[in-house]
Amino acid sequence: MAETGARDAIEHLRLIMAPCKIATVGAYVALSLFTDFETFETFKPGPQREKELAGMLDQPVAWGGALKPLRLEGEREHLLRKGES
């Protein structure tokens, strides 16, 4: 039940972020305090979670690479404006 609620909240947040032109990650990983953490403190995902996490984390890395030219362009424009004042 909690996983479904979390998934719905994530989907709702994606819908809110889209009009703001904020890149979102499509994949998500449902983690458990009981199975993915030692003594509820140390993050120790099982082998199946490692693959899911790698797939999820590949997405923001890809977004970062795709948006890098825009960041560089924005930085150049900022430096040019700063030099004019």
PDB file of N, CA and C in Angstrom:
ATOM      1  N   MET A   1       0.820  -1.195   0.000  1.00  0.00           N
ATOM      2  CA  MET A   1       0.000   0.000   0.000  1.00  0.00           C
ATOM      3  C   MET A   1       0.865   1.262   0.000  1.00  0.00           C
ATOM      4  N   ALA A   2       1.885   1.290   0.862  1.00  0.00           N
ATOM      5  CA  ALA A   2       2.745   2.470   0.934  1.00  0.00           C
ATOM      6  C   ALA A   2       3.492   2.679  -0.382  1.00  0.00           C
ATOM      7  N   GLU A   3       3.907   1.567  -1.005  1.00  0.00           N
ATOM      8  CA  GLU A   3       4.620   1.683  -2.274  1.00  0.00           C
ATOM      9  C   GLU A   3       3.731   2.323  -3.333  1.00  0.00           C
ATOM     10  N   THR A   4       2.473   1.940  -3.369  1.00  0.00           N
ATOM     11  CA  THR A   4       1.533   2.514  -4.335  1.00  0.00           C
ATOM     12  C   THR A   4       1.347   4.002  -4.080  1.00  0.00           C
ATOM     13  N   GLY A   5       1.227   4.386  -2.821  1.00  0.00           N
ATOM     14  CA  GLY A   5       1.087   5.801  -2.478  1.00  0.00           C
ATOM     15  C   GLY A   5       2.306   6.599  -2.889  1.00  0.00           C
ATOM     16  N   ALA A   6       3.485   6.035  -2.653  1.00  0.00           N
ATOM     17  CA  ALA A   6       4.719   6.717  -3.034  1.00  0.00           C
ATOM     18  C   ALA A   6       4.809   6.855  -4.549  1.00  0.00           C
ATOM     19  N   ARG A   7       4.437   5.791  -5.258  1.00  0.00           N
ATOM     20  CA  ARG A   7       4.486   5.830  -6.725  1.00  0.00           C
ATOM     21  C   ARG A   7       3.536   6.905  -7.253  1.00  0.00           C
ATOM     22  N   ASP A   8       2.346   6.989  -6.679  1.00  0.00           N
ATOM     23  CA  ASP A   8       1.382   8.013  -7.100  1.00  0.00           C
ATOM     24  C   ASP A   8       1.919   9.411  -6.824  1.00  0.00           C
ATOM     25  N   ALA A   9       2.559   9.593  -5.678  1.00  0.00           N
ATOM     26  CA  ALA A   9       3.131  10.899  -5.339  1.00  0.00           C
ATOM     27  C   ALA A   9       4.239  11.281  -6.318  1.00  0.00           C
ATOM     28  N   ILE A  10       5.051  10.308  -6.693  1.00  0.00           N
ATOM     29  CA  ILE A  10       6.137  10.559  -7.649  1.00  0.00           C
ATOM     30  C   ILE A  10       5.552  10.973  -8.998  1.00  0.00           C
ATOM     31  N   GLU A  11       4.544  10.260  -9.455  1.00  0.00           N
ATOM     32  CA  GLU A  11       3.915  10.595 -10.737  1.00  0.00           C
ATOM     33  C   GLU A  11       3.287  11.982 -10.692  1.00  0.00           C
ATOM     34  N   HIS A  12       2.657  12.322  -9.586  1.00  0.00           N
ATOM     35  CA  HIS A  12       2.047  13.642  -9.440  1.00  0.00           C
ATOM     36  C   HIS A  12       3.122  14.724  -9.494  1.00  0.00           C
ATOM     37  N   LEU A  13       4.228  14.508  -8.801  1.00  0.00           N
ATOM     38  CA  LEU A  13       5.319  15.479  -8.815  1.00  0.00           C
ATOM     39  C   LEU A  13       5.892  15.656 -10.219  1.00  0.00           C
ATOM     40  N   ARG A  14       6.000  14.576 -10.979  1.00  0.00           N
ATOM     41  CA  ARG A  14       6.485  14.685 -12.364  1.00  0.00           C
ATOM     42  C   ARG A  14       5.569  15.585 -13.189  1.00  0.00           C
ATOM     43  N   LEU A  15       4.258  15.438 -12.997  1.00  0.00           N
ATOM     44  CA  LEU A  15       3.302  16.275 -13.730  1.00  0.00           C
ATOM     45  C   LEU A  15       3.440  17.745 -13.337  1.00  0.00           C
ATOM     46  N   ILE A  16       3.745  18.008 -12.089  1.00  0.00           N
ATOM     47  CA  ILE A  16       3.934  19.380 -11.624  1.00  0.00           C
ATOM     48  C   ILE A  16       5.222  19.969 -12.198  1.00  0.00           C
ATOM     49  N   MET A  17       6.275  19.154 -12.278  1.00  0.00           N
ATOM     50  CA  MET A  17       7.588  19.639 -12.720  1.00  0.00           C
ATOM     51  C   MET A  17       7.662  19.864 -14.236  1.00  0.00           C
ATOM     52  N   ALA A  18       6.898  19.118 -15.007  1.00  0.00           N
ATOM     53  CA  ALA A  18       6.980  19.199 -16.463  1.00  0.00           C
ATOM     54  C   ALA A  18       6.726  20.607 -17.002  1.00  0.00           C
ATOM     55  N   PRO A  19       5.674  21.326 -16.571  1.00  0.00           N
ATOM     56  CA  PRO A  19       5.473  22.677 -17.100  1.00  0.00           C
ATOM     57  C   PRO A  19       6.589  23.651 -16.708  1.00  0.00           C
ATOM     58  N   CYS A  20       7.317  23.317 -15.648  1.00  0.00           N
ATOM     59  CA  CYS A  20       8.436  24.161 -15.212  1.00  0.00           C
ATOM     60  C   CYS A  20       9.698  23.862 -16.012  1.00  0.00           C
ATOM     61  N   LYS A  21       9.581  22.932 -16.953  1.00  0.00           N
ATOM     62  CA  LYS A  21      10.700  22.513 -17.805  1.00  0.00           C
ATOM     63  C   LYS A  21      11.860  21.956 -16.988  1.00  0.00           C
ATOM     64  N   ILE A  22      11.503  21.182 -15.971  1.00  0.00           N
ATOM     65  CA  ILE A  22      12.496  20.515 -15.141  1.00  0.00           C
ATOM     66  C   ILE A  22      12.548  19.060 -15.573  1.00  0.00           C
ATOM     67  N   ALA A  23      13.731  18.585 -15.910  1.00  0.00           N
ATOM     68  CA  ALA A  23      13.904  17.202 -16.351  1.00  0.00           C
ATOM     69  C   ALA A  23      13.601  16.259 -15.194  1.00  0.00           C
ATOM     70  N   THR A  24      12.847  15.234 -15.474  1.00  0.00           N
ATOM     71  CA  THR A  24      12.516  14.245 -14.452  1.00  0.00           C
ATOM     72  C   THR A  24      13.071  12.882 -14.843  1.00  0.00           C
ATOM     73  N   VAL A  25      13.183  12.014 -13.879  1.00  0.00           N
ATOM     74  CA  VAL A  25      13.671  10.653 -14.091  1.00  0.00           C
ATOM     75  C   VAL A  25      12.463   9.735 -14.135  1.00  0.00           C
ATOM     76  N   GLY A  26      12.350   8.943 -15.187  1.00  0.00           N
ATOM     77  CA  GLY A  26      11.192   8.080 -15.348  1.00  0.00           C
ATOM     78  C   GLY A  26      11.215   6.860 -14.443  1.00  0.00           C
ATOM     79  N   ALA A  27      12.377   6.285 -14.236  1.00  0.00           N
ATOM     80  CA  ALA A  27      12.474   5.077 -13.414  1.00  0.00           C
ATOM     81  C   ALA A  27      12.481   5.443 -11.937  1.00  0.00           C
ATOM     82  N   TYR A  28      12.041   4.518 -11.133  1.00  0.00           N
ATOM     83  CA  TYR A  28      12.147   4.695  -9.690  1.00  0.00           C
ATOM     84  C   TYR A  28      12.431   3.330  -9.076  1.00  0.00           C
ATOM     85  N   VAL A  29      12.958   3.354  -7.870  1.00  0.00           N
ATOM     86  CA  VAL A  29      13.284   2.122  -7.159  1.00  0.00           C
ATOM     87  C   VAL A  29      12.558   2.151  -5.826  1.00  0.00           C
ATOM     88  N   ALA A  30      11.809   1.115  -5.554  1.00  0.00           N
ATOM     89  CA  ALA A  30      11.119   1.001  -4.269  1.00  0.00           C
ATOM     90  C   ALA A  30      12.057   0.322  -3.280  1.00  0.00           C
ATOM     91  N   LEU A  31      12.559   1.093  -2.325  1.00  0.00           N
ATOM     92  CA  LEU A  31      13.484   0.562  -1.331  1.00  0.00           C
ATOM     93  C   LEU A  31      12.744   0.241  -0.038  1.00  0.00           C
ATOM     94  N   SER A  32      13.267  -0.695   0.687  1.00  0.00           N
ATOM     95  CA  SER A  32      12.677  -1.104   1.953  1.00  0.00           C
ATOM     96  C   SER A  32      13.686  -0.913   3.079  1.00  0.00           C
ATOM     97  N   LEU A  33      13.241  -0.341   4.180  1.00  0.00           N
ATOM     98  CA  LEU A  33      14.112  -0.224   5.351  1.00  0.00           C
ATOM     99  C   LEU A  33      14.501  -1.599   5.879  1.00  0.00           C
ATOM    100  N   PHE A  34      13.652  -2.589   5.672  1.00  0.00           N
ATOM    101  CA  PHE A  34      13.896  -3.918   6.210  1.00  0.00           C
ATOM    102  C   PHE A  34      14.894  -4.719   5.383  1.00  0.00           C
ATOM    103  N   THR A  35      14.836  -4.587   4.057  1.00  0.00           N
ATOM    104  CA  THR A  35      15.688  -5.436   3.220  1.00  0.00           C
ATOM    105  C   THR A  35      16.857  -4.709   2.566  1.00  0.00           C
ATOM    106  N   ASP A  36      16.806  -3.385   2.485  1.00  0.00           N
ATOM    107  CA  ASP A  36      17.854  -2.641   1.784  1.00  0.00           C
ATOM    108  C   ASP A  36      18.750  -1.818   2.707  1.00  0.00           C
ATOM    109  N   PHE A  37      18.544  -1.929   4.006  1.00  0.00           N
ATOM    110  CA  PHE A  37      19.364  -1.219   4.990  1.00  0.00           C
ATOM    111  C   PHE A  37      19.741  -2.178   6.109  1.00  0.00           C
ATOM    112  N   GLU A  38      21.005  -2.108   6.552  1.00  0.00           N
ATOM    113  CA  GLU A  38      21.440  -2.891   7.704  1.00  0.00           C
ATOM    114  C   GLU A  38      21.128  -2.087   8.958  1.00  0.00           C
ATOM    115  N   THR A  39      20.496  -2.704   9.902  1.00  0.00           N
ATOM    116  CA  THR A  39      20.105  -2.073  11.171  1.00  0.00           C
ATOM    117  C   THR A  39      19.421  -0.722  10.954  1.00  0.00           C
ATOM    118  N   PHE A  40      18.690  -0.628   9.853  1.00  0.00           N
ATOM    119  CA  PHE A  40      17.912   0.572   9.516  1.00  0.00           C
ATOM    120  C   PHE A  40      18.778   1.827   9.336  1.00  0.00           C
ATOM    121  N   GLU A  41      20.073   1.673   9.159  1.00  0.00           N
ATOM    122  CA  GLU A  41      20.975   2.827   9.043  1.00  0.00           C
ATOM    123  C   GLU A  41      21.863   2.779   7.809  1.00  0.00           C
ATOM    124  N   THR A  42      22.514   1.653   7.582  1.00  0.00           N
ATOM    125  CA  THR A  42      23.504   1.548   6.510  1.00  0.00           C
ATOM    126  C   THR A  42      22.846   1.018   5.243  1.00  0.00           C
ATOM    127  N   PHE A  43      22.962   1.795   4.175  1.00  0.00           N
ATOM    128  CA  PHE A  43      22.346   1.414   2.900  1.00  0.00           C
ATOM    129  C   PHE A  43      23.110   0.246   2.305  1.00  0.00           C
ATOM    130  N   LYS A  44      22.451  -0.886   2.159  1.00  0.00           N
ATOM    131  CA  LYS A  44      23.044  -2.097   1.588  1.00  0.00           C
ATOM    132  C   LYS A  44      22.012  -2.772   0.700  1.00  0.00           C
ATOM    133  N   PRO A  45      21.807  -2.254  -0.509  1.00  0.00           N
ATOM    134  CA  PRO A  45      20.799  -2.865  -1.379  1.00  0.00           C
ATOM    135  C   PRO A  45      21.241  -4.245  -1.849  1.00  0.00           C
ATOM    136  N   GLY A  46      20.269  -5.094  -2.067  1.00  0.00           N
ATOM    137  CA  GLY A  46      20.555  -6.428  -2.592  1.00  0.00           C
ATOM    138  C   GLY A  46      20.929  -6.349  -4.061  1.00  0.00           C
ATOM    139  N   PRO A  47      21.398  -7.448  -4.630  1.00  0.00           N
ATOM    140  CA  PRO A  47      21.832  -7.457  -6.037  1.00  0.00           C
ATOM    141  C   PRO A  47      20.740  -7.004  -7.004  1.00  0.00           C
ATOM    142  N   GLN A  48      19.495  -7.387  -6.744  1.00  0.00           N
ATOM    143  CA  GLN A  48      18.408  -6.980  -7.642  1.00  0.00           C
ATOM    144  C   GLN A  48      18.209  -5.477  -7.598  1.00  0.00           C
ATOM    145  N   ARG A  49      18.401  -4.859  -6.447  1.00  0.00           N
ATOM    146  CA  ARG A  49      18.243  -3.405  -6.300  1.00  0.00           C
ATOM    147  C   ARG A  49      19.397  -2.656  -6.964  1.00  0.00           C
ATOM    148  N   GLU A  50      20.592  -3.237  -6.927  1.00  0.00           N
ATOM    149  CA  GLU A  50      21.748  -2.580  -7.545  1.00  0.00           C
ATOM    150  C   GLU A  50      21.502  -2.345  -9.032  1.00  0.00           C
ATOM    151  N   LYS A  51      20.932  -3.327  -9.703  1.00  0.00           N
ATOM    152  CA  LYS A  51      20.634  -3.191 -11.131  1.00  0.00           C
ATOM    153  C   LYS A  51      19.570  -2.110 -11.349  1.00  0.00           C
ATOM    154  N   GLU A  52      18.526  -2.109 -10.506  1.00  0.00           N
ATOM    155  CA  GLU A  52      17.471  -1.091 -10.618  1.00  0.00           C
ATOM    156  C   GLU A  52      18.033   0.298 -10.350  1.00  0.00           C
ATOM    157  N   LEU A  53      18.868   0.416  -9.321  1.00  0.00           N
ATOM    158  CA  LEU A  53      19.461   1.716  -8.982  1.00  0.00           C
ATOM    159  C   LEU A  53      20.359   2.220 -10.106  1.00  0.00           C
ATOM    160  N   ALA A  54      21.143   1.322 -10.686  1.00  0.00           N
ATOM    161  CA  ALA A  54      22.023   1.719 -11.789  1.00  0.00           C
ATOM    162  C   ALA A  54      21.199   2.250 -12.958  1.00  0.00           C
ATOM    163  N   GLY A  55      20.097   1.574 -13.277  1.00  0.00           N
ATOM    164  CA  GLY A  55      19.231   2.034 -14.361  1.00  0.00           C
ATOM    165  C   GLY A  55      18.618   3.386 -14.063  1.00  0.00           C
ATOM    166  N   MET A  56      18.199   3.589 -12.813  1.00  0.00           N
ATOM    167  CA  MET A  56      17.593   4.865 -12.431  1.00  0.00           C
ATOM    168  C   MET A  56      18.635   5.986 -12.460  1.00  0.00           C
ATOM    169  N   LEU A  57      19.822   5.720 -11.932  1.00  0.00           N
ATOM    170  CA  LEU A  57      20.850   6.762 -11.865  1.00  0.00           C
ATOM    171  C   LEU A  57      21.464   7.069 -13.227  1.00  0.00           C
ATOM    172  N   ASP A  58      21.351   6.142 -14.169  1.00  0.00           N
ATOM    173  CA  ASP A  58      21.828   6.415 -15.530  1.00  0.00           C
ATOM    174  C   ASP A  58      21.021   7.548 -16.163  1.00  0.00           C
ATOM    175  N   GLN A  59      19.757   7.680 -15.775  1.00  0.00           N
ATOM    176  CA  GLN A  59      18.899   8.700 -16.385  1.00  0.00           C
ATOM    177  C   GLN A  59      19.343  10.127 -16.064  1.00  0.00           C
ATOM    178  N   PRO A  60      19.593  10.501 -14.797  1.00  0.00           N
ATOM    179  CA  PRO A  60      20.058  11.870 -14.566  1.00  0.00           C
ATOM    180  C   PRO A  60      21.447  12.126 -15.152  1.00  0.00           C
ATOM    181  N   VAL A  61      22.266  11.081 -15.234  1.00  0.00           N
ATOM    182  CA  VAL A  61      23.579  11.245 -15.862  1.00  0.00           C
ATOM    183  C   VAL A  61      23.387  11.567 -17.343  1.00  0.00           C
ATOM    184  N   ALA A  62      22.464  10.866 -17.999  1.00  0.00           N
ATOM    185  CA  ALA A  62      22.190  11.142 -19.414  1.00  0.00           C
ATOM    186  C   ALA A  62      21.612  12.539 -19.596  1.00  0.00           C
ATOM    187  N   TRP A  63      20.674  12.943 -18.711  1.00  0.00           N
ATOM    188  CA  TRP A  63      20.123  14.299 -18.779  1.00  0.00           C
ATOM    189  C   TRP A  63      21.246  15.323 -18.619  1.00  0.00           C
ATOM    190  N   GLY A  64      22.138  15.078 -17.674  1.00  0.00           N
ATOM    191  CA  GLY A  64      23.245  16.008 -17.446  1.00  0.00           C
ATOM    192  C   GLY A  64      24.107  16.179 -18.678  1.00  0.00           C
ATOM    193  N   GLY A  65      24.384  15.072 -19.354  1.00  0.00           N
ATOM    194  CA  GLY A  65      25.180  15.149 -20.578  1.00  0.00           C
ATOM    195  C   GLY A  65      24.441  15.877 -21.688  1.00  0.00           C
ATOM    196  N   ALA A  66      23.152  15.605 -21.810  1.00  0.00           N
ATOM    197  CA  ALA A  66      22.364  16.241 -22.866  1.00  0.00           C
ATOM    198  C   ALA A  66      22.218  17.745 -22.633  1.00  0.00           C
ATOM    199  N   LEU A  67      22.143  18.157 -21.378  1.00  0.00           N
ATOM    200  CA  LEU A  67      21.928  19.574 -21.059  1.00  0.00           C
ATOM    201  C   LEU A  67      23.227  20.366 -20.883  1.00  0.00           C
ATOM    202  N   LYS A  68      24.357  19.681 -20.921  1.00  0.00           N
ATOM    203  CA  LYS A  68      25.639  20.366 -20.712  1.00  0.00           C
ATOM    204  C   LYS A  68      25.854  21.535 -21.676  1.00  0.00           C
ATOM    205  N   PRO A  69      25.579  21.376 -22.978  1.00  0.00           N
ATOM    206  CA  PRO A  69      25.775  22.522 -23.883  1.00  0.00           C
ATOM    207  C   PRO A  69      24.932  23.736 -23.474  1.00  0.00           C
ATOM    208  N   LEU A  70      23.723  23.497 -22.979  1.00  0.00           N
ATOM    209  CA  LEU A  70      22.879  24.618 -22.533  1.00  0.00           C
ATOM    210  C   LEU A  70      23.460  25.296 -21.297  1.00  0.00           C
ATOM    211  N   ARG A  71      24.008  24.495 -20.372  1.00  0.00           N
ATOM    212  CA  ARG A  71      24.627  25.080 -19.182  1.00  0.00           C
ATOM    213  C   ARG A  71      25.826  25.923 -19.585  1.00  0.00           C
ATOM    214  N   LEU A  72      26.650  25.422 -20.507  1.00  0.00           N
ATOM    215  CA  LEU A  72      27.831  26.161 -20.944  1.00  0.00           C
ATOM    216  C   LEU A  72      27.438  27.461 -21.642  1.00  0.00           C
ATOM    217  N   GLU A  73      26.398  27.390 -22.469  1.00  0.00           N
ATOM    218  CA  GLU A  73      25.902  28.581 -23.157  1.00  0.00           C
ATOM    219  C   GLU A  73      25.408  29.614 -22.145  1.00  0.00           C
ATOM    220  N   GLY A  74      24.660  29.155 -21.151  1.00  0.00           N
ATOM    221  CA  GLY A  74      24.165  30.058 -20.113  1.00  0.00           C
ATOM    222  C   GLY A  74      25.292  30.681 -19.323  1.00  0.00           C
ATOM    223  N   GLU A  75      26.318  29.893 -19.045  1.00  0.00           N
ATOM    224  CA  GLU A  75      27.478  30.411 -18.308  1.00  0.00           C
ATOM    225  C   GLU A  75      28.214  31.461 -19.138  1.00  0.00           C
ATOM    226  N   ARG A  76      28.367  31.206 -20.431  1.00  0.00           N
ATOM    227  CA  ARG A  76      29.029  32.172 -21.318  1.00  0.00           C
ATOM    228  C   ARG A  76      28.256  33.485 -21.347  1.00  0.00           C
ATOM    229  N   GLU A  77      26.927  33.390 -21.482  1.00  0.00           N
ATOM    230  CA  GLU A  77      26.099  34.601 -21.505  1.00  0.00           C
ATOM    231  C   GLU A  77      26.213  35.362 -20.195  1.00  0.00           C
ATOM    232  N   HIS A  78      26.237  34.656 -19.085  1.00  0.00           N
ATOM    233  CA  HIS A  78      26.362  35.293 -17.779  1.00  0.00           C
ATOM    234  C   HIS A  78      27.696  36.042 -17.682  1.00  0.00           C
ATOM    235  N   LEU A  79      28.763  35.406 -18.135  1.00  0.00           N
ATOM    236  CA  LEU A  79      30.080  36.050 -18.080  1.00  0.00           C
ATOM    237  C   LEU A  79      30.134  37.276 -18.987  1.00  0.00           C
ATOM    238  N   LEU A  80      29.489  37.183 -20.156  1.00  0.00           N
ATOM    239  CA  LEU A  80      29.465  38.342 -21.055  1.00  0.00           C
ATOM    240  C   LEU A  80      28.702  39.508 -20.427  1.00  0.00           C
ATOM    241  N   ARG A  81      27.555  39.212 -19.828  1.00  0.00           N
ATOM    242  CA  ARG A  81      26.764  40.271 -19.165  1.00  0.00           C
ATOM    243  C   ARG A  81      27.528  40.848 -17.993  1.00  0.00           C
ATOM    244  N   LYS A  82      28.229  40.011 -17.274  1.00  0.00           N
ATOM    245  CA  LYS A  82      28.992  40.464 -16.109  1.00  0.00           C
ATOM    246  C   LYS A  82      30.121  41.391 -16.562  1.00  0.00           C
ATOM    247  N   GLY A  83      30.721  41.090 -17.717  1.00  0.00           N
ATOM    248  CA  GLY A  83      31.801  41.914 -18.243  1.00  0.00           C
ATOM    249  C   GLY A  83      31.318  43.260 -18.751  1.00  0.00           C
ATOM    250  N   GLU A  84      30.048  43.338 -19.148  1.00  0.00           N
ATOM    251  CA  GLU A  84      29.483  44.590 -19.655  1.00  0.00           C
ATOM    252  C   GLU A  84      29.194  45.575 -18.540  1.00  0.00           C
ATOM    253  N   SER A  85      28.949  45.087 -17.331  1.00  0.00           N
ATOM    254  CA  SER A  85      28.585  46.010 -16.239  1.00  0.00           C
ATOM    255  C   SER A  85      29.756  46.500 -15.465  1.00  0.00           C
TER     256      SER A  85
END
